[in-house]
PDB file of all heavy atoms in Angstrom:
ATOM      1  N   TYR A   1      55.607 140.857  91.716  1.00  0.00           N
ATOM      2  CA  TYR A   1      55.257 140.424  90.365  1.00  0.00           C
ATOM      3  C   TYR A   1      55.733 138.998  90.100  1.00  0.00           C
ATOM      4  O   TYR A   1      55.067 138.237  89.382  1.00  0.00           O
ATOM      5  CB  TYR A   1      55.857 141.379  89.338  1.00  0.00           C
ATOM      6  CG  TYR A   1      55.373 142.806  89.495  1.00  0.00           C
ATOM      7  CD1 TYR A   1      56.209 143.889  89.205  1.00  0.00           C
ATOM      8  CD2 TYR A   1      54.097 143.083  89.964  1.00  0.00           C
ATOM      9  CE1 TYR A   1      55.778 145.194  89.362  1.00  0.00           C
ATOM     10  CE2 TYR A   1      53.651 144.379  90.131  1.00  0.00           C
ATOM     11  CZ  TYR A   1      54.503 145.434  89.833  1.00  0.00           C
ATOM     12  OH  TYR A   1      54.067 146.736  89.996  1.00  0.00           O
ATOM     13  N   THR A   2      56.859 138.623  90.694  1.00  0.00           N
ATOM     14  CA  THR A   2      57.354 137.254  90.539  1.00  0.00           C
ATOM     15  C   THR A   2      56.408 136.262  91.198  1.00  0.00           C
ATOM     16  O   THR A   2      56.075 135.216  90.620  1.00  0.00           O
ATOM     17  CB  THR A   2      58.760 137.107  91.146  1.00  0.00           C
ATOM     18  OG1 THR A   2      59.659 138.017  90.501  1.00  0.00           O
ATOM     19  CG2 THR A   2      59.282 135.681  90.981  1.00  0.00           C
ATOM     20  N   VAL A   3      55.954 136.588  92.415  1.00  0.00           N
ATOM     21  CA  VAL A   3      55.016 135.718  93.127  1.00  0.00           C
ATOM     22  C   VAL A   3      53.691 135.625  92.357  1.00  0.00           C
ATOM     23  O   VAL A   3      53.086 134.547  92.262  1.00  0.00           O
ATOM     24  CB  VAL A   3      54.774 136.230  94.559  1.00  0.00           C
ATOM     25  CG1 VAL A   3      53.628 135.466  95.227  1.00  0.00           C
ATOM     26  CG2 VAL A   3      56.036 136.099  95.393  1.00  0.00           C
ATOM     27  N   GLN A   4      53.241 136.738  91.797  1.00  0.00           N
ATOM     28  CA  GLN A   4      52.011 136.717  91.006  1.00  0.00           C
ATOM     29  C   GLN A   4      52.159 135.808  89.781  1.00  0.00           C
ATOM     30  O   GLN A   4      51.244 135.056  89.439  1.00  0.00           O
ATOM     31  CB  GLN A   4      51.642 138.135  90.573  1.00  0.00           C
ATOM     32  CG  GLN A   4      51.096 138.994  91.700  1.00  0.00           C
ATOM     33  CD  GLN A   4      50.723 140.385  91.223  1.00  0.00           C
ATOM     34  OE1 GLN A   4      51.460 141.023  90.471  1.00  0.00           O
ATOM     35  NE2 GLN A   4      49.578 140.867  91.669  1.00  0.00           N
ATOM     36  N   PHE A   5      53.312 135.887  89.130  1.00  0.00           N
ATOM     37  CA  PHE A   5      53.553 135.043  87.955  1.00  0.00           C
ATOM     38  C   PHE A   5      53.590 133.567  88.350  1.00  0.00           C
ATOM     39  O   PHE A   5      53.021 132.712  87.653  1.00  0.00           O
ATOM     40  CB  PHE A   5      54.868 135.443  87.287  1.00  0.00           C
ATOM     41  CG  PHE A   5      55.180 134.658  86.038  1.00  0.00           C
ATOM     42  CD1 PHE A   5      54.442 134.837  84.879  1.00  0.00           C
ATOM     43  CD2 PHE A   5      56.209 133.725  86.046  1.00  0.00           C
ATOM     44  CE1 PHE A   5      54.723 134.100  83.737  1.00  0.00           C
ATOM     45  CE2 PHE A   5      56.496 132.994  84.912  1.00  0.00           C
ATOM     46  CZ  PHE A   5      55.753 133.178  83.756  1.00  0.00           C
ATOM     47  N   ILE A   6      54.236 133.262  89.472  1.00  0.00           N
ATOM     48  CA  ILE A   6      54.273 131.879  89.959  1.00  0.00           C
ATOM     49  C   ILE A   6      52.868 131.400  90.298  1.00  0.00           C
ATOM     50  O   ILE A   6      52.509 130.239  90.053  1.00  0.00           O
ATOM     51  CB  ILE A   6      55.198 131.771  91.194  1.00  0.00           C
ATOM     52  CG1 ILE A   6      56.648 132.046  90.793  1.00  0.00           C
ATOM     53  CG2 ILE A   6      55.080 130.388  91.837  1.00  0.00           C
ATOM     54  CD1 ILE A   6      57.602 132.129  91.965  1.00  0.00           C
ATOM     55  N   THR A   7      52.035 132.305  90.842  1.00  0.00           N
ATOM     56  CA  THR A   7      50.657 131.944  91.161  1.00  0.00           C
ATOM     57  C   THR A   7      49.869 131.624  89.897  1.00  0.00           C
ATOM     58  O   THR A   7      49.058 130.682  89.888  1.00  0.00           O
ATOM     59  CB  THR A   7      49.959 133.090  91.930  1.00  0.00           C
ATOM     60  OG1 THR A   7      50.745 133.460  93.062  1.00  0.00           O
ATOM     61  CG2 THR A   7      48.579 132.652  92.412  1.00  0.00           C
ATOM     62  N   ILE A   8      50.102 132.380  88.829  1.00  0.00           N
ATOM     63  CA  ILE A   8      49.445 132.087  87.546  1.00  0.00           C
ATOM     64  C   ILE A   8      49.822 130.691  87.073  1.00  0.00           C
ATOM     65  O   ILE A   8      48.961 129.901  86.652  1.00  0.00           O
ATOM     66  CB  ILE A   8      49.831 133.131  86.480  1.00  0.00           C
ATOM     67  CG1 ILE A   8      49.248 134.500  86.845  1.00  0.00           C
ATOM     68  CG2 ILE A   8      49.328 132.700  85.098  1.00  0.00           C
ATOM     69  CD1 ILE A   8      49.715 135.619  85.928  1.00  0.00           C
ATOM     70  N   LEU A   9      51.120 130.363  87.138  1.00  0.00           N
ATOM     71  CA  LEU A   9      51.585 129.035  86.723  1.00  0.00           C
ATOM     72  C   LEU A   9      50.962 127.941  87.587  1.00  0.00           C
ATOM     73  O   LEU A   9      50.579 126.879  87.079  1.00  0.00           O
ATOM     74  CB  LEU A   9      53.111 128.964  86.809  1.00  0.00           C
ATOM     75  CG  LEU A   9      53.901 129.886  85.863  1.00  0.00           C
ATOM     76  CD1 LEU A   9      55.399 129.712  86.081  1.00  0.00           C
ATOM     77  CD2 LEU A   9      53.528 129.619  84.417  1.00  0.00           C
ATOM     78  N   THR A  10      50.830 128.217  88.883  1.00  0.00           N
ATOM     79  CA  THR A  10      50.208 127.246  89.786  1.00  0.00           C
ATOM     80  C   THR A  10      48.740 127.025  89.442  1.00  0.00           C
ATOM     81  O   THR A  10      48.254 125.891  89.453  1.00  0.00           O
ATOM     82  CB  THR A  10      50.320 127.726  91.246  1.00  0.00           C
ATOM     83  OG1 THR A  10      51.690 127.941  91.578  1.00  0.00           O
ATOM     84  CG2 THR A  10      49.729 126.696  92.204  1.00  0.00           C
ATOM     85  N   CYS A  11      48.039 128.106  89.116  1.00  0.00           N
ATOM     86  CA  CYS A  11      46.624 127.995  88.727  1.00  0.00           C
ATOM     87  C   CYS A  11      46.470 127.174  87.454  1.00  0.00           C
ATOM     88  O   CYS A  11      45.577 126.313  87.362  1.00  0.00           O
ATOM     89  CB  CYS A  11      46.028 129.389  88.531  1.00  0.00           C
ATOM     90  SG  CYS A  11      45.788 130.338  90.048  1.00  0.00           S
ATOM     91  N   VAL A  12      47.344 127.422  86.468  1.00  0.00           N
ATOM     92  CA  VAL A  12      47.293 126.661  85.215  1.00  0.00           C
ATOM     93  C   VAL A  12      47.598 125.192  85.484  1.00  0.00           C
ATOM     94  O   VAL A  12      46.921 124.291  84.957  1.00  0.00           O
ATOM     95  CB  VAL A  12      48.284 127.243  84.194  1.00  0.00           C
ATOM     96  CG1 VAL A  12      48.352 126.365  82.949  1.00  0.00           C
ATOM     97  CG2 VAL A  12      47.884 128.661  83.811  1.00  0.00           C
ATOM     98  N   TRP A  13      48.612 124.948  86.307  1.00  0.00           N
ATOM     99  CA  TRP A  13      48.974 123.569  86.675  1.00  0.00           C
ATOM    100  C   TRP A  13      47.811 122.879  87.369  1.00  0.00           C
ATOM    101  O   TRP A  13      47.520 121.708  87.103  1.00  0.00           O
ATOM    102  CB  TRP A  13      50.206 123.616  87.578  1.00  0.00           C
ATOM    103  CG  TRP A  13      50.547 122.320  88.258  1.00  0.00           C
ATOM    104  CD1 TRP A  13      51.102 121.206  87.705  1.00  0.00           C
ATOM    105  CD2 TRP A  13      50.336 122.009  89.646  1.00  0.00           C
ATOM    106  NE1 TRP A  13      51.261 120.223  88.658  1.00  0.00           N
ATOM    107  CE2 TRP A  13      50.804 120.688  89.858  1.00  0.00           C
ATOM    108  CE3 TRP A  13      49.832 122.728  90.736  1.00  0.00           C
ATOM    109  CZ2 TRP A  13      50.756 120.079  91.097  1.00  0.00           C
ATOM    110  CZ3 TRP A  13      49.779 122.119  91.971  1.00  0.00           C
ATOM    111  CH2 TRP A  13      50.238 120.814  92.145  1.00  0.00           C
ATOM    112  N   TYR A  14      47.127 123.594  88.248  1.00  0.00           N
ATOM    113  CA  TYR A  14      45.978 123.038  88.958  1.00  0.00           C
ATOM    114  C   TYR A  14      44.858 122.687  87.986  1.00  0.00           C
ATOM    115  O   TYR A  14      44.224 121.629  88.103  1.00  0.00           O
ATOM    116  CB  TYR A  14      45.482 124.043  89.988  1.00  0.00           C
ATOM    117  CG  TYR A  14      44.303 123.567  90.806  1.00  0.00           C
ATOM    118  CD1 TYR A  14      44.498 122.791  91.951  1.00  0.00           C
ATOM    119  CD2 TYR A  14      42.999 123.881  90.447  1.00  0.00           C
ATOM    120  CE1 TYR A  14      43.425 122.348  92.709  1.00  0.00           C
ATOM    121  CE2 TYR A  14      41.920 123.439  91.197  1.00  0.00           C
ATOM    122  CZ  TYR A  14      42.150 122.674  92.326  1.00  0.00           C
ATOM    123  OH  TYR A  14      41.075 122.228  93.064  1.00  0.00           O
ATOM    124  N   LEU A  15      44.601 123.563  87.026  1.00  0.00           N
ATOM    125  CA  LEU A  15      43.541 123.320  86.052  1.00  0.00           C
ATOM    126  C   LEU A  15      43.840 122.096  85.184  1.00  0.00           C
ATOM    127  O   LEU A  15      42.933 121.364  84.791  1.00  0.00           O
ATOM    128  CB  LEU A  15      43.354 124.554  85.159  1.00  0.00           C
ATOM    129  CG  LEU A  15      42.771 125.790  85.854  1.00  0.00           C
ATOM    130  CD1 LEU A  15      42.856 126.998  84.930  1.00  0.00           C
ATOM    131  CD2 LEU A  15      41.335 125.549  86.274  1.00  0.00           C
ATOM    132  N   LEU A  16      45.109 121.877  84.895  1.00  0.00           N
ATOM    133  CA  LEU A  16      45.498 120.724  84.087  1.00  0.00           C
ATOM    134  C   LEU A  16      45.407 119.423  84.873  1.00  0.00           C
ATOM    135  O   LEU A  16      45.106 118.374  84.310  1.00  0.00           O
ATOM    136  CB  LEU A  16      46.925 120.907  83.571  1.00  0.00           C
ATOM    137  CG  LEU A  16      47.139 122.042  82.560  1.00  0.00           C
ATOM    138  CD1 LEU A  16      48.626 122.194  82.241  1.00  0.00           C
ATOM    139  CD2 LEU A  16      46.339 121.793  81.283  1.00  0.00           C
ATOM    140  N   LYS A  17      45.652 119.510  86.185  1.00  0.00           N
ATOM    141  CA  LYS A  17      45.669 118.315  87.021  1.00  0.00           C
ATOM    142  C   LYS A  17      44.282 117.941  87.548  1.00  0.00           C
ATOM    143  O   LYS A  17      43.960 116.759  87.697  1.00  0.00           O
ATOM    144  CB  LYS A  17      46.607 118.531  88.214  1.00  0.00           C
ATOM    145  CG  LYS A  17      48.086 118.575  87.838  1.00  0.00           C
ATOM    146  CD  LYS A  17      48.589 117.199  87.429  1.00  0.00           C
ATOM    147  CE  LYS A  17      50.081 117.222  87.183  1.00  0.00           C
ATOM    148  NZ  LYS A  17      50.606 115.865  86.838  1.00  0.00           N
ATOM    149  N   ASN A  18      43.472 118.948  87.846  1.00  0.00           N
ATOM    150  CA  ASN A  18      42.166 118.703  88.458  1.00  0.00           C
ATOM    151  C   ASN A  18      41.065 118.965  87.443  1.00  0.00           C
ATOM    152  O   ASN A  18      40.837 120.107  87.035  1.00  0.00           O
ATOM    153  CB  ASN A  18      41.981 119.600  89.681  1.00  0.00           C
ATOM    154  CG  ASN A  18      40.669 119.319  90.411  1.00  0.00           C
ATOM    155  OD1 ASN A  18      39.989 118.339  90.123  1.00  0.00           O
ATOM    156  ND2 ASN A  18      40.328 120.181  91.350  1.00  0.00           N
ATOM    157  N   LYS A  19      40.372 117.927  87.047  1.00  0.00           N
ATOM    158  CA  LYS A  19      39.320 118.051  86.032  1.00  0.00           C
ATOM    159  C   LYS A  19      37.923 118.147  86.645  1.00  0.00           C
ATOM    160  O   LYS A  19      36.928 118.268  85.927  1.00  0.00           O
ATOM    161  CB  LYS A  19      39.369 116.846  85.079  1.00  0.00           C
ATOM    162  CG  LYS A  19      40.704 116.664  84.370  1.00  0.00           C
ATOM    163  CD  LYS A  19      41.045 117.856  83.487  1.00  0.00           C
ATOM    164  CE  LYS A  19      42.353 117.619  82.746  1.00  0.00           C
ATOM    165  NZ  LYS A  19      42.712 118.781  81.880  1.00  0.00           N
ATOM    166  N   LEU A  20      37.833 118.068  87.979  1.00  0.00           N
ATOM    167  CA  LEU A  20      36.537 118.114  88.634  1.00  0.00           C
ATOM    168  C   LEU A  20      35.971 119.525  88.618  1.00  0.00           C
ATOM    169  O   LEU A  20      36.702 120.498  88.820  1.00  0.00           O
ATOM    170  CB  LEU A  20      36.660 117.628  90.082  1.00  0.00           C
ATOM    171  CG  LEU A  20      37.117 116.176  90.272  1.00  0.00           C
ATOM    172  CD1 LEU A  20      37.266 115.868  91.753  1.00  0.00           C
ATOM    173  CD2 LEU A  20      36.146 115.207  89.626  1.00  0.00           C
ATOM    174  N   ARG A  21      34.676 119.633  88.384  1.00  0.00           N
ATOM    175  CA  ARG A  21      34.019 120.942  88.406  1.00  0.00           C
ATOM    176  C   ARG A  21      33.667 121.286  89.845  1.00  0.00           C
ATOM    177  O   ARG A  21      32.635 120.878  90.362  1.00  0.00           O
ATOM    178  CB  ARG A  21      32.769 120.918  87.523  1.00  0.00           C
ATOM    179  CG  ARG A  21      33.054 120.693  86.049  1.00  0.00           C
ATOM    180  CD  ARG A  21      31.794 120.794  85.224  1.00  0.00           C
ATOM    181  NE  ARG A  21      31.234 122.128  85.291  1.00  0.00           N
ATOM    182  CZ  ARG A  21      30.083 122.482  84.701  1.00  0.00           C
ATOM    183  NH1 ARG A  21      29.396 121.582  84.021  1.00  0.00           N
ATOM    184  NH2 ARG A  21      29.633 123.711  84.796  1.00  0.00           N
ATOM    185  N   GLN A  22      34.516 122.019  90.476  1.00  0.00           N
ATOM    186  CA  GLN A  22      34.328 122.410  91.866  1.00  0.00           C
ATOM    187  C   GLN A  22      34.748 123.864  92.020  1.00  0.00           C
ATOM    188  O   GLN A  22      35.397 124.433  91.129  1.00  0.00           O
ATOM    189  CB  GLN A  22      35.170 121.508  92.775  1.00  0.00           C
ATOM    190  CG  GLN A  22      36.645 121.489  92.383  1.00  0.00           C
ATOM    191  CD  GLN A  22      37.530 121.023  93.507  1.00  0.00           C
ATOM    192  OE1 GLN A  22      37.479 121.583  94.583  1.00  0.00           O
ATOM    193  NE2 GLN A  22      38.338 120.008  93.265  1.00  0.00           N
ATOM    194  N   PRO A  23      34.380 124.505  93.136  1.00  0.00           N
ATOM    195  CA  PRO A  23      34.698 125.932  93.308  1.00  0.00           C
ATOM    196  C   PRO A  23      36.173 126.262  93.142  1.00  0.00           C
ATOM    197  O   PRO A  23      36.512 127.310  92.579  1.00  0.00           O
ATOM    198  CB  PRO A  23      34.222 126.214  94.737  1.00  0.00           C
ATOM    199  CG  PRO A  23      33.120 125.240  94.962  1.00  0.00           C
ATOM    200  CD  PRO A  23      33.539 123.998  94.244  1.00  0.00           C
ATOM    201  N   TYR A  24      37.074 125.380  93.594  1.00  0.00           N
ATOM    202  CA  TYR A  24      38.502 125.686  93.509  1.00  0.00           C
ATOM    203  C   TYR A  24      38.997 125.719  92.065  1.00  0.00           C
ATOM    204  O   TYR A  24      39.897 126.481  91.733  1.00  0.00           O
ATOM    205  CB  TYR A  24      39.317 124.678  94.322  1.00  0.00           C
ATOM    206  CG  TYR A  24      39.184 124.874  95.803  1.00  0.00           C
ATOM    207  CD1 TYR A  24      38.299 124.099  96.555  1.00  0.00           C
ATOM    208  CD2 TYR A  24      39.917 125.849  96.468  1.00  0.00           C
ATOM    209  CE1 TYR A  24      38.155 124.289  97.922  1.00  0.00           C
ATOM    210  CE2 TYR A  24      39.783 126.048  97.830  1.00  0.00           C
ATOM    211  CZ  TYR A  24      38.900 125.260  98.548  1.00  0.00           C
ATOM    212  OH  TYR A  24      38.763 125.463  99.897  1.00  0.00           O
ATOM    213  N   ARG A  25      38.415 124.889  91.232  1.00  0.00           N
ATOM    214  CA  ARG A  25      38.804 124.888  89.817  1.00  0.00           C
ATOM    215  C   ARG A  25      38.390 126.205  89.156  1.00  0.00           C
ATOM    216  O   ARG A  25      39.175 126.816  88.422  1.00  0.00           O
ATOM    217  CB  ARG A  25      38.170 123.702  89.095  1.00  0.00           C
ATOM    218  CG  ARG A  25      38.507 123.652  87.600  1.00  0.00           C
ATOM    219  CD  ARG A  25      38.029 122.364  86.961  1.00  0.00           C
ATOM    220  NE  ARG A  25      38.174 122.401  85.515  1.00  0.00           N
ATOM    221  CZ  ARG A  25      39.314 122.205  84.872  1.00  0.00           C
ATOM    222  NH1 ARG A  25      40.407 121.945  85.542  1.00  0.00           N
ATOM    223  NH2 ARG A  25      39.363 122.262  83.555  1.00  0.00           N
ATOM    224  N   PHE A  26      37.172 126.653  89.414  1.00  0.00           N
ATOM    225  CA  PHE A  26      36.714 127.926  88.862  1.00  0.00           C
ATOM    226  C   PHE A  26      37.500 129.088  89.450  1.00  0.00           C
ATOM    227  O   PHE A  26      37.795 130.072  88.763  1.00  0.00           O
ATOM    228  CB  PHE A  26      35.218 128.096  89.112  1.00  0.00           C
ATOM    229  CG  PHE A  26      34.362 127.147  88.328  1.00  0.00           C
ATOM    230  CD1 PHE A  26      33.655 126.132  88.956  1.00  0.00           C
ATOM    231  CD2 PHE A  26      34.262 127.257  86.947  1.00  0.00           C
ATOM    232  CE1 PHE A  26      32.873 125.253  88.228  1.00  0.00           C
ATOM    233  CE2 PHE A  26      33.483 126.384  86.212  1.00  0.00           C
ATOM    234  CZ  PHE A  26      32.783 125.375  86.853  1.00  0.00           C
ATOM    235  N   PHE A  27      37.844 128.979  90.735  1.00  0.00           N
ATOM    236  CA  PHE A  27      38.635 130.043  91.356  1.00  0.00           C
ATOM    237  C   PHE A  27      40.013 130.141  90.704  1.00  0.00           C
ATOM    238  O   PHE A  27      40.498 131.247  90.436  1.00  0.00           O
ATOM    239  CB  PHE A  27      38.796 129.788  92.856  1.00  0.00           C
ATOM    240  CG  PHE A  27      39.637 130.835  93.532  1.00  0.00           C
ATOM    241  CD1 PHE A  27      39.059 132.013  93.980  1.00  0.00           C
ATOM    242  CD2 PHE A  27      41.002 130.653  93.699  1.00  0.00           C
ATOM    243  CE1 PHE A  27      39.835 133.004  94.584  1.00  0.00           C
ATOM    244  CE2 PHE A  27      41.782 131.630  94.306  1.00  0.00           C
ATOM    245  CZ  PHE A  27      41.199 132.801  94.744  1.00  0.00           C
ATOM    246  N   ALA A  28      40.636 128.999  90.465  1.00  0.00           N
ATOM    247  CA  ALA A  28      41.961 128.993  89.840  1.00  0.00           C
ATOM    248  C   ALA A  28      41.921 129.662  88.473  1.00  0.00           C
ATOM    249  O   ALA A  28      42.814 130.450  88.120  1.00  0.00           O
ATOM    250  CB  ALA A  28      42.482 127.560  89.717  1.00  0.00           C
ATOM    251  N   ALA A  29      40.880 129.378  87.695  1.00  0.00           N
ATOM    252  CA  ALA A  29      40.749 129.989  86.363  1.00  0.00           C
ATOM    253  C   ALA A  29      40.545 131.494  86.475  1.00  0.00           C
ATOM    254  O   ALA A  29      41.202 132.280  85.775  1.00  0.00           O
ATOM    255  CB  ALA A  29      39.579 129.348  85.611  1.00  0.00           C
ATOM    256  N   GLY A  30      39.648 131.910  87.364  1.00  0.00           N
ATOM    257  CA  GLY A  30      39.371 133.337  87.520  1.00  0.00           C
ATOM    258  C   GLY A  30      40.558 134.106  88.068  1.00  0.00           C
ATOM    259  O   GLY A  30      40.865 135.218  87.609  1.00  0.00           O
ATOM    260  N   TRP A  31      41.254 133.529  89.048  1.00  0.00           N
ATOM    261  CA  TRP A  31      42.395 134.216  89.650  1.00  0.00           C
ATOM    262  C   TRP A  31      43.544 134.351  88.654  1.00  0.00           C
ATOM    263  O   TRP A  31      44.245 135.367  88.627  1.00  0.00           O
ATOM    264  CB  TRP A  31      42.854 133.468  90.899  1.00  0.00           C
ATOM    265  CG  TRP A  31      43.747 134.289  91.779  1.00  0.00           C
ATOM    266  CD1 TRP A  31      45.091 134.162  91.936  1.00  0.00           C
ATOM    267  CD2 TRP A  31      43.351 135.390  92.606  1.00  0.00           C
ATOM    268  NE1 TRP A  31      45.569 135.104  92.809  1.00  0.00           N
ATOM    269  CE2 TRP A  31      44.508 135.869  93.246  1.00  0.00           C
ATOM    270  CE3 TRP A  31      42.122 135.998  92.882  1.00  0.00           C
ATOM    271  CZ2 TRP A  31      44.489 136.943  94.131  1.00  0.00           C
ATOM    272  CZ3 TRP A  31      42.101 137.077  93.774  1.00  0.00           C
ATOM    273  CH2 TRP A  31      43.274 137.526  94.376  1.00  0.00           C
ATOM    274  N   ALA A  32      43.744 133.331  87.817  1.00  0.00           N
ATOM    275  CA  ALA A  32      44.787 133.396  86.792  1.00  0.00           C
ATOM    276  C   ALA A  32      44.495 134.514  85.794  1.00  0.00           C
ATOM    277  O   ALA A  32      45.403 135.248  85.368  1.00  0.00           O
ATOM    278  CB  ALA A  32      44.910 132.054  86.068  1.00  0.00           C
ATOM    279  N   ILE A  33      43.224 134.662  85.425  1.00  0.00           N
ATOM    280  CA  ILE A  33      42.826 135.731  84.499  1.00  0.00           C
ATOM    281  C   ILE A  33      43.070 137.094  85.119  1.00  0.00           C
ATOM    282  O   ILE A  33      43.606 138.000  84.476  1.00  0.00           O
ATOM    283  CB  ILE A  33      41.348 135.565  84.098  1.00  0.00           C
ATOM    284  CG1 ILE A  33      41.161 134.305  83.261  1.00  0.00           C
ATOM    285  CG2 ILE A  33      40.851 136.799  83.340  1.00  0.00           C
ATOM    286  CD1 ILE A  33      39.711 133.957  82.994  1.00  0.00           C
ATOM    287  N   PHE A  34      42.698 137.246  86.400  1.00  0.00           N
ATOM    288  CA  PHE A  34      42.892 138.529  87.065  1.00  0.00           C
ATOM    289  C   PHE A  34      44.369 138.886  87.172  1.00  0.00           C
ATOM    290  O   PHE A  34      44.763 140.024  86.891  1.00  0.00           O
ATOM    291  CB  PHE A  34      42.279 138.493  88.463  1.00  0.00           C
ATOM    292  CG  PHE A  34      42.715 139.652  89.323  1.00  0.00           C
ATOM    293  CD1 PHE A  34      42.261 140.939  89.072  1.00  0.00           C
ATOM    294  CD2 PHE A  34      43.614 139.466  90.362  1.00  0.00           C
ATOM    295  CE1 PHE A  34      42.681 142.015  89.845  1.00  0.00           C
ATOM    296  CE2 PHE A  34      44.036 140.527  91.143  1.00  0.00           C
ATOM    297  CZ  PHE A  34      43.572 141.808  90.882  1.00  0.00           C
ATOM    298  N   LEU A  35      45.197 137.937  87.589  1.00  0.00           N
ATOM    299  CA  LEU A  35      46.626 138.227  87.734  1.00  0.00           C
ATOM    300  C   LEU A  35      47.271 138.528  86.383  1.00  0.00           C
ATOM    301  O   LEU A  35      48.158 139.383  86.295  1.00  0.00           O
ATOM    302  CB  LEU A  35      47.338 137.048  88.402  1.00  0.00           C
ATOM    303  CG  LEU A  35      47.034 136.826  89.888  1.00  0.00           C
ATOM    304  CD1 LEU A  35      47.880 135.680  90.429  1.00  0.00           C
ATOM    305  CD2 LEU A  35      47.290 138.088  90.701  1.00  0.00           C
ATOM    306  N   THR A  36      46.831 137.834  85.337  1.00  0.00           N
ATOM    307  CA  THR A  36      47.349 138.120  83.998  1.00  0.00           C
ATOM    308  C   THR A  36      46.993 139.544  83.590  1.00  0.00           C
ATOM    309  O   THR A  36      47.816 140.276  83.024  1.00  0.00           O
ATOM    310  CB  THR A  36      46.772 137.120  82.978  1.00  0.00           C
ATOM    311  OG1 THR A  36      47.135 135.790  83.368  1.00  0.00           O
ATOM    312  CG2 THR A  36      47.312 137.405  81.583  1.00  0.00           C
ATOM    313  N   HIS A  37      45.767 139.947  83.888  1.00  0.00           N
ATOM    314  CA  HIS A  37      45.355 141.327  83.605  1.00  0.00           C
ATOM    315  C   HIS A  37      46.183 142.315  84.407  1.00  0.00           C
ATOM    316  O   HIS A  37      46.642 143.338  83.883  1.00  0.00           O
ATOM    317  CB  HIS A  37      43.872 141.505  83.934  1.00  0.00           C
ATOM    318  CG  HIS A  37      43.436 142.939  83.975  1.00  0.00           C
ATOM    319  ND1 HIS A  37      43.452 143.685  85.150  1.00  0.00           N
ATOM    320  CD2 HIS A  37      42.995 143.780  83.002  1.00  0.00           C
ATOM    321  CE1 HIS A  37      43.047 144.910  84.892  1.00  0.00           C
ATOM    322  NE2 HIS A  37      42.753 144.987  83.607  1.00  0.00           N
ATOM    323  N   ASP A  38      46.401 142.006  85.692  1.00  0.00           N
ATOM    324  CA  ASP A  38      47.149 142.907  86.559  1.00  0.00           C
ATOM    325  C   ASP A  38      48.577 143.095  86.070  1.00  0.00           C
ATOM    326  O   ASP A  38      49.087 144.226  86.009  1.00  0.00           O
ATOM    327  CB  ASP A  38      47.148 142.358  87.986  1.00  0.00           C
ATOM    328  CG  ASP A  38      47.590 143.402  89.003  1.00  0.00           C
ATOM    329  OD1 ASP A  38      47.151 144.566  88.882  1.00  0.00           O
ATOM    330  OD2 ASP A  38      48.368 143.065  89.909  1.00  0.00           O
ATOM    331  N   LEU A  39      49.236 142.008  85.701  1.00  0.00           N
ATOM    332  CA  LEU A  39      50.608 142.099  85.197  1.00  0.00           C
ATOM    333  C   LEU A  39      50.641 142.809  83.845  1.00  0.00           C
ATOM    334  O   LEU A  39      51.597 143.538  83.544  1.00  0.00           O
ATOM    335  CB  LEU A  39      51.219 140.707  85.078  1.00  0.00           C
ATOM    336  CG  LEU A  39      51.472 139.978  86.411  1.00  0.00           C
ATOM    337  CD1 LEU A  39      52.054 138.591  86.163  1.00  0.00           C
ATOM    338  CD2 LEU A  39      52.419 140.789  87.296  1.00  0.00           C
ATOM    339  N   SER A  40      49.602 142.617  83.032  1.00  0.00           N
ATOM    340  CA  SER A  40      49.521 143.320  81.746  1.00  0.00           C
ATOM    341  C   SER A  40      49.406 144.827  81.960  1.00  0.00           C
ATOM    342  O   SER A  40      50.030 145.618  81.244  1.00  0.00           O
ATOM    343  CB  SER A  40      48.320 142.813  80.942  1.00  0.00           C
ATOM    344  OG  SER A  40      48.429 141.439  80.671  1.00  0.00           O
ATOM    345  N   MET A  41      48.622 145.230  82.972  1.00  0.00           N
ATOM    346  CA  MET A  41      48.482 146.651  83.284  1.00  0.00           C
ATOM    347  C   MET A  41      49.798 147.236  83.790  1.00  0.00           C
ATOM    348  O   MET A  41      50.110 148.406  83.544  1.00  0.00           O
ATOM    349  CB  MET A  41      47.391 146.852  84.326  1.00  0.00           C
ATOM    350  CG  MET A  41      45.989 146.534  83.837  1.00  0.00           C
ATOM    351  SD  MET A  41      45.480 147.539  82.414  1.00  0.00           S
ATOM    352  CE  MET A  41      45.431 149.176  83.164  1.00  0.00           C
ATOM    353  N   VAL A  42      50.591 146.428  84.489  1.00  0.00           N
ATOM    354  CA  VAL A  42      51.911 146.880  84.943  1.00  0.00           C
ATOM    355  C   VAL A  42      52.802 147.168  83.745  1.00  0.00           C
ATOM    356  O   VAL A  42      53.487 148.199  83.681  1.00  0.00           O
ATOM    357  CB  VAL A  42      52.561 145.814  85.849  1.00  0.00           C
ATOM    358  CG1 VAL A  42      54.024 146.176  86.130  1.00  0.00           C
ATOM    359  CG2 VAL A  42      51.789 145.697  87.155  1.00  0.00           C
ATOM    360  N   ILE A  43      52.790 146.277  82.771  1.00  0.00           N
ATOM    361  CA  ILE A  43      53.599 146.463  81.561  1.00  0.00           C
ATOM    362  C   ILE A  43      53.131 147.689  80.785  1.00  0.00           C
ATOM    363  O   ILE A  43      53.943 148.499  80.321  1.00  0.00           O
ATOM    364  CB  ILE A  43      53.542 145.203  80.676  1.00  0.00           C
ATOM    365  CG1 ILE A  43      54.163 144.017  81.428  1.00  0.00           C
ATOM    366  CG2 ILE A  43      54.256 145.440  79.357  1.00  0.00           C
ATOM    367  CD1 ILE A  43      54.004 142.691  80.713  1.00  0.00           C
ATOM    368  N   ILE A  44      51.814 147.833  80.653  1.00  0.00           N
ATOM    369  CA  ILE A  44      51.257 149.003  79.954  1.00  0.00           C
ATOM    370  C   ILE A  44      51.644 150.282  80.686  1.00  0.00           C
ATOM    371  O   ILE A  44      51.977 151.302  80.066  1.00  0.00           O
ATOM    372  CB  ILE A  44      49.721 148.882  79.840  1.00  0.00           C
ATOM    373  CG1 ILE A  44      49.353 147.715  78.923  1.00  0.00           C
ATOM    374  CG2 ILE A  44      49.108 150.190  79.327  1.00  0.00           C
ATOM    375  CD1 ILE A  44      47.872 147.423  78.880  1.00  0.00           C
TER     376      ILE A  44
END
């Protein structure tokens, strides 16, 4: 769960740094959403 949380922070950091519309930018956004959902389900 710690690694997943760090990955979310990395994805957000990437989105803030990289403004180009490319597959990696969309992947970072989607992966951050999925991990946030996964950690939310753990809490629930």
